PDB file of N, CA and C in Angstrom:
ATOM      1  N   MET A   1      -5.326   4.979  -4.104  1.00  0.00           N
ATOM      2  CA  MET A   1      -4.935   3.584  -4.065  1.00  0.00           C
ATOM      3  C   MET A   1      -5.666   2.891  -2.914  1.00  0.00           C
ATOM      4  N   ALA A   2      -6.307   1.789  -3.201  1.00  0.00           N
ATOM      5  CA  ALA A   2      -7.034   1.040  -2.173  1.00  0.00           C
ATOM      6  C   ALA A   2      -6.058   0.223  -1.339  1.00  0.00           C
ATOM      7  N   HIS A   3      -6.279   0.213  -0.035  1.00  0.00           N
ATOM      8  CA  HIS A   3      -5.451  -0.594   0.867  1.00  0.00           C
ATOM      9  C   HIS A   3      -6.242  -1.824   1.258  1.00  0.00           C
ATOM     10  N   GLU A   4      -5.609  -2.966   1.153  1.00  0.00           N
ATOM     11  CA  GLU A   4      -6.287  -4.204   1.494  1.00  0.00           C
ATOM     12  C   GLU A   4      -5.493  -4.956   2.534  1.00  0.00           C
ATOM     13  N   ASN A   5      -6.206  -5.603   3.419  1.00  0.00           N
ATOM     14  CA  ASN A   5      -5.566  -6.468   4.404  1.00  0.00           C
ATOM     15  C   ASN A   5      -5.130  -7.753   3.724  1.00  0.00           C
ATOM     16  N   LYS A   6      -4.046  -8.332   4.212  1.00  0.00           N
ATOM     17  CA  LYS A   6      -3.556  -9.608   3.691  1.00  0.00           C
ATOM     18  C   LYS A   6      -3.861 -10.688   4.720  1.00  0.00           C
ATOM     19  N   VAL A   7      -4.638 -11.680   4.327  1.00  0.00           N
ATOM     20  CA  VAL A   7      -4.985 -12.774   5.230  1.00  0.00           C
ATOM     21  C   VAL A   7      -3.779 -13.697   5.381  1.00  0.00           C
ATOM     22  N   LEU A   8      -3.380 -13.907   6.642  1.00  0.00           N
ATOM     23  CA  LEU A   8      -2.240 -14.760   6.949  1.00  0.00           C
ATOM     24  C   LEU A   8      -2.666 -16.179   7.298  1.00  0.00           C
ATOM     25  N   ARG A   9      -3.844 -16.288   7.871  1.00  0.00           N
ATOM     26  CA  ARG A   9      -4.349 -17.585   8.319  1.00  0.00           C
ATOM     27  C   ARG A   9      -5.867 -17.522   8.292  1.00  0.00           C
ATOM     28  N   SER A  10      -6.493 -18.564   7.779  1.00  0.00           N
ATOM     29  CA  SER A  10      -7.946 -18.655   7.756  1.00  0.00           C
ATOM     30  C   SER A  10      -8.318 -20.036   8.279  1.00  0.00           C
ATOM     31  N   ILE A  11      -9.099 -20.072   9.342  1.00  0.00           N
ATOM     32  CA  ILE A  11      -9.469 -21.328   9.988  1.00  0.00           C
ATOM     33  C   ILE A  11     -10.976 -21.496   9.874  1.00  0.00           C
ATOM     34  N   GLU A  12     -11.415 -22.616   9.286  1.00  0.00           N
ATOM     35  CA  GLU A  12     -12.840 -22.886   9.086  1.00  0.00           C
ATOM     36  C   GLU A  12     -13.337 -23.956  10.042  1.00  0.00           C
ATOM     37  N   THR A  13     -14.622 -23.873  10.348  1.00  0.00           N
ATOM     38  CA  THR A  13     -15.269 -24.962  11.070  1.00  0.00           C
ATOM     39  C   THR A  13     -15.340 -26.174  10.139  1.00  0.00           C
ATOM     40  N   PRO A  14     -15.424 -27.369  10.703  1.00  0.00           N
ATOM     41  CA  PRO A  14     -15.492 -28.563   9.856  1.00  0.00           C
ATOM     42  C   PRO A  14     -16.654 -28.554   8.854  1.00  0.00           C
ATOM     43  N   ASP A  15     -17.759 -27.908   9.206  1.00  0.00           N
ATOM     44  CA  ASP A  15     -18.900 -27.856   8.285  1.00  0.00           C
ATOM     45  C   ASP A  15     -18.794 -26.733   7.259  1.00  0.00           C
ATOM     46  N   GLY A  16     -17.756 -25.900   7.363  1.00  0.00           N
ATOM     47  CA  GLY A  16     -17.545 -24.820   6.415  1.00  0.00           C
ATOM     48  C   GLY A  16     -18.470 -23.637   6.557  1.00  0.00           C
ATOM     49  N   GLY A  17     -19.185 -23.553   7.668  1.00  0.00           N
ATOM     50  CA  GLY A  17     -20.143 -22.467   7.859  1.00  0.00           C
ATOM     51  C   GLY A  17     -19.593 -21.221   8.521  1.00  0.00           C
ATOM     52  N   ARG A  18     -18.456 -21.347   9.177  1.00  0.00           N
ATOM     53  CA  ARG A  18     -17.828 -20.197   9.853  1.00  0.00           C
ATOM     54  C   ARG A  18     -16.330 -20.254   9.648  1.00  0.00           C
ATOM     55  N   CYS A  19     -15.698 -19.090   9.731  1.00  0.00           N
ATOM     56  CA  CYS A  19     -14.245 -19.048   9.678  1.00  0.00           C
ATOM     57  C   CYS A  19     -13.745 -17.832  10.453  1.00  0.00           C
ATOM     58  N   VAL A  20     -12.488 -17.897  10.816  1.00  0.00           N
ATOM     59  CA  VAL A  20     -11.783 -16.763  11.408  1.00  0.00           C
ATOM     60  C   VAL A  20     -10.577 -16.485  10.525  1.00  0.00           C
ATOM     61  N   ASP A  21     -10.417 -15.227  10.137  1.00  0.00           N
ATOM     62  CA  ASP A  21      -9.239 -14.802   9.394  1.00  0.00           C
ATOM     63  C   ASP A  21      -8.345 -13.980  10.307  1.00  0.00           C
ATOM     64  N   ILE A  22      -7.056 -14.315  10.300  1.00  0.00           N
ATOM     65  CA  ILE A  22      -6.026 -13.506  10.953  1.00  0.00           C
ATOM     66  C   ILE A  22      -5.353 -12.749   9.818  1.00  0.00           C
ATOM     67  N   PHE A  23      -5.230 -11.430   9.939  1.00  0.00           N
ATOM     68  CA  PHE A  23      -4.721 -10.635   8.824  1.00  0.00           C
ATOM     69  C   PHE A  23      -3.732  -9.572   9.284  1.00  0.00           C
ATOM     70  N   VAL A  24      -2.958  -9.076   8.318  1.00  0.00           N
ATOM     71  CA  VAL A  24      -2.055  -7.951   8.536  1.00  0.00           C
ATOM     72  C   VAL A  24      -2.544  -6.803   7.650  1.00  0.00           C
ATOM     73  N   ARG A  25      -2.530  -5.613   8.215  1.00  0.00           N
ATOM     74  CA  ARG A  25      -2.958  -4.417   7.493  1.00  0.00           C
ATOM     75  C   ARG A  25      -1.760  -3.784   6.778  1.00  0.00           C
ATOM     76  N   PRO A  26      -2.022  -2.879   5.845  1.00  0.00           N
ATOM     77  CA  PRO A  26      -0.919  -2.191   5.166  1.00  0.00           C
ATOM     78  C   PRO A  26       0.003  -1.418   6.120  1.00  0.00           C
ATOM     79  N   ASP A  27      -0.505  -1.028   7.288  1.00  0.00           N
ATOM     80  CA  ASP A  27       0.331  -0.298   8.255  1.00  0.00           C
ATOM     81  C   ASP A  27       1.110  -1.238   9.183  1.00  0.00           C
ATOM     82  N   ALA A  28       1.103  -2.538   8.875  1.00  0.00           N
ATOM     83  CA  ALA A  28       1.853  -3.579   9.607  1.00  0.00           C
ATOM     84  C   ALA A  28       1.253  -3.912  10.975  1.00  0.00           C
ATOM     85  N   THR A  29      -0.001  -3.520  11.222  1.00  0.00           N
ATOM     86  CA  THR A  29      -0.692  -3.986  12.418  1.00  0.00           C
ATOM     87  C   THR A  29      -1.503  -5.220  12.033  1.00  0.00           C
ATOM     88  N   PHE A  30      -1.936  -5.960  13.037  1.00  0.00           N
ATOM     89  CA  PHE A  30      -2.622  -7.224  12.811  1.00  0.00           C
ATOM     90  C   PHE A  30      -4.034  -7.168  13.379  1.00  0.00           C
ATOM     91  N   GLY A  31      -4.883  -8.051  12.890  1.00  0.00           N
ATOM     92  CA  GLY A  31      -6.239  -8.128  13.385  1.00  0.00           C
ATOM     93  C   GLY A  31      -6.846  -9.481  13.044  1.00  0.00           C
ATOM     94  N   PHE A  32      -8.114  -9.640  13.428  1.00  0.00           N
ATOM     95  CA  PHE A  32      -8.849 -10.863  13.102  1.00  0.00           C
ATOM     96  C   PHE A  32     -10.323 -10.533  12.954  1.00  0.00           C
ATOM     97  N   GLU A  33     -11.020 -11.397  12.257  1.00  0.00           N
ATOM     98  CA  GLU A  33     -12.471 -11.273  12.121  1.00  0.00           C
ATOM     99  C   GLU A  33     -13.078 -12.661  11.987  1.00  0.00           C
ATOM    100  N   GLU A  34     -14.285 -12.791  12.498  1.00  0.00           N
ATOM    101  CA  GLU A  34     -15.068 -14.015  12.358  1.00  0.00           C
ATOM    102  C   GLU A  34     -16.102 -13.797  11.259  1.00  0.00           C
ATOM    103  N   PHE A  35     -16.294 -14.810  10.423  1.00  0.00           N
ATOM    104  CA  PHE A  35     -17.239 -14.749   9.310  1.00  0.00           C
ATOM    105  C   PHE A  35     -18.151 -15.970   9.331  1.00  0.00           C
ATOM    106  N   ARG A  36     -19.291 -15.833   8.660  1.00  0.00           N
ATOM    107  CA  ARG A  36     -20.170 -16.976   8.450  1.00  0.00           C
ATOM    108  C   ARG A  36     -20.646 -16.949   7.007  1.00  0.00           C
ATOM    109  N   ARG A  37     -21.067 -18.119   6.538  1.00  0.00           N
ATOM    110  CA  ARG A  37     -21.709 -18.208   5.231  1.00  0.00           C
ATOM    111  C   ARG A  37     -22.805 -19.257   5.325  1.00  0.00           C
ATOM    112  N   ASP A  38     -23.828 -19.026   4.547  1.00  0.00           N
ATOM    113  CA  ASP A  38     -24.950 -19.957   4.488  1.00  0.00           C
ATOM    114  C   ASP A  38     -24.929 -20.635   3.129  1.00  0.00           C
ATOM    115  N   SER A  39     -25.096 -21.938   3.125  1.00  0.00           N
ATOM    116  CA  SER A  39     -25.022 -22.686   1.869  1.00  0.00           C
ATOM    117  C   SER A  39     -26.076 -22.236   0.856  1.00  0.00           C
ATOM    118  N   GLU A  40     -27.208 -21.750   1.331  1.00  0.00           N
ATOM    119  CA  GLU A  40     -28.259 -21.320   0.408  1.00  0.00           C
ATOM    120  C   GLU A  40     -28.076 -19.886  -0.089  1.00  0.00           C
ATOM    121  N   ASP A  41     -27.085 -19.172   0.442  1.00  0.00           N
ATOM    122  CA  ASP A  41     -26.825 -17.781   0.053  1.00  0.00           C
ATOM    123  C   ASP A  41     -25.531 -17.733  -0.757  1.00  0.00           C
ATOM    124  N   VAL A  42     -25.622 -17.418  -2.032  1.00  0.00           N
ATOM    125  CA  VAL A  42     -24.457 -17.438  -2.920  1.00  0.00           C
ATOM    126  C   VAL A  42     -23.567 -16.198  -2.798  1.00  0.00           C
ATOM    127  N   ARG A  43     -23.912 -15.267  -1.916  1.00  0.00           N
ATOM    128  CA  ARG A  43     -23.120 -14.040  -1.791  1.00  0.00           C
ATOM    129  C   ARG A  43     -21.812 -14.247  -1.040  1.00  0.00           C
ATOM    130  N   GLY A  44     -21.634 -15.360  -0.358  1.00  0.00           N
ATOM    131  CA  GLY A  44     -20.347 -15.653   0.282  1.00  0.00           C
ATOM    132  C   GLY A  44     -20.306 -15.364   1.769  1.00  0.00           C
ATOM    133  N   TRP A  45     -19.133 -14.972   2.225  1.00  0.00           N
ATOM    134  CA  TRP A  45     -18.858 -14.775   3.654  1.00  0.00           C
ATOM    135  C   TRP A  45     -19.340 -13.414   4.143  1.00  0.00           C
ATOM    136  N   PHE A  46     -19.853 -13.397   5.398  1.00  0.00           N
ATOM    137  CA  PHE A  46     -20.295 -12.166   6.039  1.00  0.00           C
ATOM    138  C   PHE A  46     -19.587 -12.019   7.382  1.00  0.00           C
ATOM    139  N   PRO A  47     -19.025 -10.840   7.679  1.00  0.00           N
ATOM    140  CA  PRO A  47     -18.418 -10.658   8.998  1.00  0.00           C
ATOM    141  C   PRO A  47     -19.501 -10.653  10.064  1.00  0.00           C
ATOM    142  N   ILE A  48     -19.247 -11.361  11.169  1.00  0.00           N
ATOM    143  CA  ILE A  48     -20.246 -11.432  12.240  1.00  0.00           C
ATOM    144  C   ILE A  48     -19.663 -11.122  13.611  1.00  0.00           C
ATOM    145  N   GLY A  49     -18.361 -11.004  13.715  1.00  0.00           N
ATOM    146  CA  GLY A  49     -17.747 -10.871  15.029  1.00  0.00           C
ATOM    147  C   GLY A  49     -17.517  -9.457  15.517  1.00  0.00           C
ATOM    148  N   ASN A  50     -17.523  -8.495  14.603  1.00  0.00           N
ATOM    149  CA  ASN A  50     -17.205  -7.112  14.968  1.00  0.00           C
ATOM    150  C   ASN A  50     -15.848  -6.983  15.653  1.00  0.00           C
ATOM    151  N   HIS A  51     -14.881  -7.782  15.198  1.00  0.00           N
ATOM    152  CA  HIS A  51     -13.529  -7.733  15.761  1.00  0.00           C
ATOM    153  C   HIS A  51     -12.533  -7.055  14.815  1.00  0.00           C
ATOM    154  N   GLY A  52     -12.910  -6.820  13.573  1.00  0.00           N
ATOM    155  CA  GLY A  52     -11.986  -6.384  12.537  1.00  0.00           C
ATOM    156  C   GLY A  52     -11.250  -5.088  12.788  1.00  0.00           C
ATOM    157  N   ALA A  53     -11.782  -4.198  13.604  1.00  0.00           N
ATOM    158  CA  ALA A  53     -11.125  -2.914  13.860  1.00  0.00           C
ATOM    159  C   ALA A  53     -10.109  -2.978  15.004  1.00  0.00           C
ATOM    160  N   ARG A  54     -10.098  -4.081  15.733  1.00  0.00           N
ATOM    161  CA  ARG A  54      -9.149  -4.210  16.850  1.00  0.00           C
ATOM    162  C   ARG A  54      -7.736  -4.315  16.302  1.00  0.00           C
ATOM    163  N   ILE A  55      -6.792  -3.719  16.998  1.00  0.00           N
ATOM    164  CA  ILE A  55      -5.409  -3.629  16.522  1.00  0.00           C
ATOM    165  C   ILE A  55      -4.482  -4.383  17.464  1.00  0.00           C
ATOM    166  N   PHE A  56      -3.605  -5.196  16.855  1.00  0.00           N
ATOM    167  CA  PHE A  56      -2.614  -5.975  17.600  1.00  0.00           C
ATOM    168  C   PHE A  56      -1.241  -5.741  16.977  1.00  0.00           C
ATOM    169  N   GLY A  57      -0.214  -5.826  17.797  1.00  0.00           N
ATOM    170  CA  GLY A  57       1.148  -5.599  17.329  1.00  0.00           C
ATOM    171  C   GLY A  57       1.780  -6.799  16.664  1.00  0.00           C
ATOM    172  N   THR A  58       1.203  -7.986  16.910  1.00  0.00           N
ATOM    173  CA  THR A  58       1.767  -9.203  16.337  1.00  0.00           C
ATOM    174  C   THR A  58       0.653 -10.116  15.836  1.00  0.00           C
ATOM    175  N   GLU A  59       1.018 -11.005  14.920  1.00  0.00           N
ATOM    176  CA  GLU A  59       0.076 -12.015  14.449  1.00  0.00           C
ATOM    177  C   GLU A  59      -0.355 -12.912  15.606  1.00  0.00           C
ATOM    178  N   GLU A  60       0.599 -13.292  16.438  1.00  0.00           N
ATOM    179  CA  GLU A  60       0.282 -14.166  17.574  1.00  0.00           C
ATOM    180  C   GLU A  60      -0.672 -13.483  18.549  1.00  0.00           C
ATOM    181  N   GLY A  61      -0.525 -12.184  18.763  1.00  0.00           N
ATOM    182  CA  GLY A  61      -1.449 -11.455  19.623  1.00  0.00           C
ATOM    183  C   GLY A  61      -2.868 -11.480  19.091  1.00  0.00           C
ATOM    184  N   ALA A  62      -3.017 -11.286  17.782  1.00  0.00           N
ATOM    185  CA  ALA A  62      -4.343 -11.337  17.158  1.00  0.00           C
ATOM    186  C   ALA A  62      -4.925 -12.745  17.257  1.00  0.00           C
ATOM    187  N   PHE A  63      -4.097 -13.759  16.996  1.00  0.00           N
ATOM    188  CA  PHE A  63      -4.558 -15.144  17.042  1.00  0.00           C
ATOM    189  C   PHE A  63      -4.965 -15.541  18.458  1.00  0.00           C
ATOM    190  N   SER A  64      -4.183 -15.142  19.444  1.00  0.00           N
ATOM    191  CA  SER A  64      -4.493 -15.457  20.835  1.00  0.00           C
ATOM    192  C   SER A  64      -5.825 -14.832  21.256  1.00  0.00           C
ATOM    193  N   GLU A  65      -6.044 -13.603  20.873  1.00  0.00           N
ATOM    194  CA  GLU A  65      -7.308 -12.931  21.204  1.00  0.00           C
ATOM    195  C   GLU A  65      -8.474 -13.579  20.468  1.00  0.00           C
ATOM    196  N   ALA A  66      -8.268 -13.968  19.220  1.00  0.00           N
ATOM    197  CA  ALA A  66      -9.319 -14.659  18.478  1.00  0.00           C
ATOM    198  C   ALA A  66      -9.720 -15.942  19.200  1.00  0.00           C
ATOM    199  N   ARG A  67      -8.738 -16.687  19.684  1.00  0.00           N
ATOM    200  CA  ARG A  67      -9.035 -17.931  20.401  1.00  0.00           C
ATOM    201  C   ARG A  67      -9.844 -17.666  21.669  1.00  0.00           C
ATOM    202  N   SER A  68      -9.618 -16.531  22.305  1.00  0.00           N
ATOM    203  CA  SER A  68     -10.355 -16.241  23.538  1.00  0.00           C
ATOM    204  C   SER A  68     -11.746 -15.663  23.270  1.00  0.00           C
ATOM    205  N   LYS A  69     -11.964 -15.083  22.099  1.00  0.00           N
ATOM    206  CA  LYS A  69     -13.237 -14.421  21.802  1.00  0.00           C
ATOM    207  C   LYS A  69     -14.195 -15.234  20.939  1.00  0.00           C
ATOM    208  N   VAL A  70     -13.682 -16.230  20.231  1.00  0.00           N
ATOM    209  CA  VAL A  70     -14.507 -17.025  19.317  1.00  0.00           C
ATOM    210  C   VAL A  70     -14.579 -18.442  19.882  1.00  0.00           C
ATOM    211  N   PRO A  71     -15.670 -18.783  20.570  1.00  0.00           N
ATOM    212  CA  PRO A  71     -15.744 -20.054  21.302  1.00  0.00           C
ATOM    213  C   PRO A  71     -15.437 -21.293  20.463  1.00  0.00           C
ATOM    214  N   TRP A  72     -15.950 -21.388  19.260  1.00  0.00           N
ATOM    215  CA  TRP A  72     -15.722 -22.589  18.458  1.00  0.00           C
ATOM    216  C   TRP A  72     -14.272 -22.727  18.022  1.00  0.00           C
ATOM    217  N   LEU A  73     -13.548 -21.616  17.926  1.00  0.00           N
ATOM    218  CA  LEU A  73     -12.155 -21.673  17.479  1.00  0.00           C
ATOM    219  C   LEU A  73     -11.299 -22.450  18.465  1.00  0.00           C
ATOM    220  N   GLU A  74     -11.464 -22.189  19.720  1.00  0.00           N
ATOM    221  CA  GLU A  74     -10.708 -22.919  20.742  1.00  0.00           C
ATOM    222  C   GLU A  74     -11.056 -24.404  20.710  1.00  0.00           C
ATOM    223  N   ASP A  75     -12.318 -24.710  20.413  1.00  0.00           N
ATOM    224  CA  ASP A  75     -12.756 -26.103  20.367  1.00  0.00           C
ATOM    225  C   ASP A  75     -12.074 -26.909  19.258  1.00  0.00           C
ATOM    226  N   ILE A  76     -11.752 -26.281  18.125  1.00  0.00           N
ATOM    227  CA  ILE A  76     -11.170 -27.043  17.015  1.00  0.00           C
ATOM    228  C   ILE A  76      -9.656 -26.948  16.927  1.00  0.00           C
ATOM    229  N   MET A  77      -9.035 -26.109  17.773  1.00  0.00           N
ATOM    230  CA  MET A  77      -7.591 -25.963  17.718  1.00  0.00           C
ATOM    231  C   MET A  77      -6.898 -26.924  18.662  1.00  0.00           C
ATOM    232  N   GLY A  78      -5.781 -27.473  18.236  1.00  0.00           N
ATOM    233  CA  GLY A  78      -4.977 -28.319  19.102  1.00  0.00           C
ATOM    234  C   GLY A  78      -4.119 -27.473  20.025  1.00  0.00           C
ATOM    235  N   ASP A  79      -3.397 -28.103  20.930  1.00  0.00           N
ATOM    236  CA  ASP A  79      -2.540 -27.378  21.867  1.00  0.00           C
ATOM    237  C   ASP A  79      -1.481 -26.547  21.166  1.00  0.00           C
ATOM    238  N   ALA A  80      -1.050 -26.963  19.999  1.00  0.00           N
ATOM    239  CA  ALA A  80       0.006 -26.248  19.290  1.00  0.00           C
ATOM    240  C   ALA A  80      -0.557 -25.122  18.427  1.00  0.00           C
ATOM    241  N   GLY A  81      -1.862 -24.878  18.495  1.00  0.00           N
ATOM    242  CA  GLY A  81      -2.450 -23.806  17.719  1.00  0.00           C
ATOM    243  C   GLY A  81      -2.782 -24.183  16.294  1.00  0.00           C
ATOM    244  N   GLN A  82      -2.826 -25.475  16.019  1.00  0.00           N
ATOM    245  CA  GLN A  82      -3.159 -25.967  14.688  1.00  0.00           C
ATOM    246  C   GLN A  82      -4.474 -26.725  14.765  1.00  0.00           C
ATOM    247  N   PRO A  83      -5.258 -26.686  13.699  1.00  0.00           N
ATOM    248  CA  PRO A  83      -6.509 -27.464  13.714  1.00  0.00           C
ATOM    249  C   PRO A  83      -6.218 -28.937  13.948  1.00  0.00           C
ATOM    250  N   ASP A  84      -7.104 -29.580  14.724  1.00  0.00           N
ATOM    251  CA  ASP A  84      -6.975 -31.023  14.981  1.00  0.00           C
ATOM    252  C   ASP A  84      -7.233 -31.810  13.720  1.00  0.00           C
TER     253      ASP A  84
END
C-alpha cells in the first residue's frame, strides 16, 4: 500500500511560479516543501527546497520553520500567518 502525504496548506507566490506545501504524513508527523514551476514546462511542480524530509510534531511547527527558511514566504504572509 502506498503512503501519501496529505497537503494541509499550499501557499503560492502571486505570479504562480513557486509554492510551499505544509503536509501531514501517514505517521502523523508534519513537514513542508518548496516547489517551483515554469510556465513553458508542462510537467508541473518540482521540489526545490530539500525540506521535505524534515520532521515536525505540529503543523504550526512546520509552518513556522517554512517561514524562516523560504524568504519569499515571509514576504507574502501577513502578521496572522495568512497571505496578504
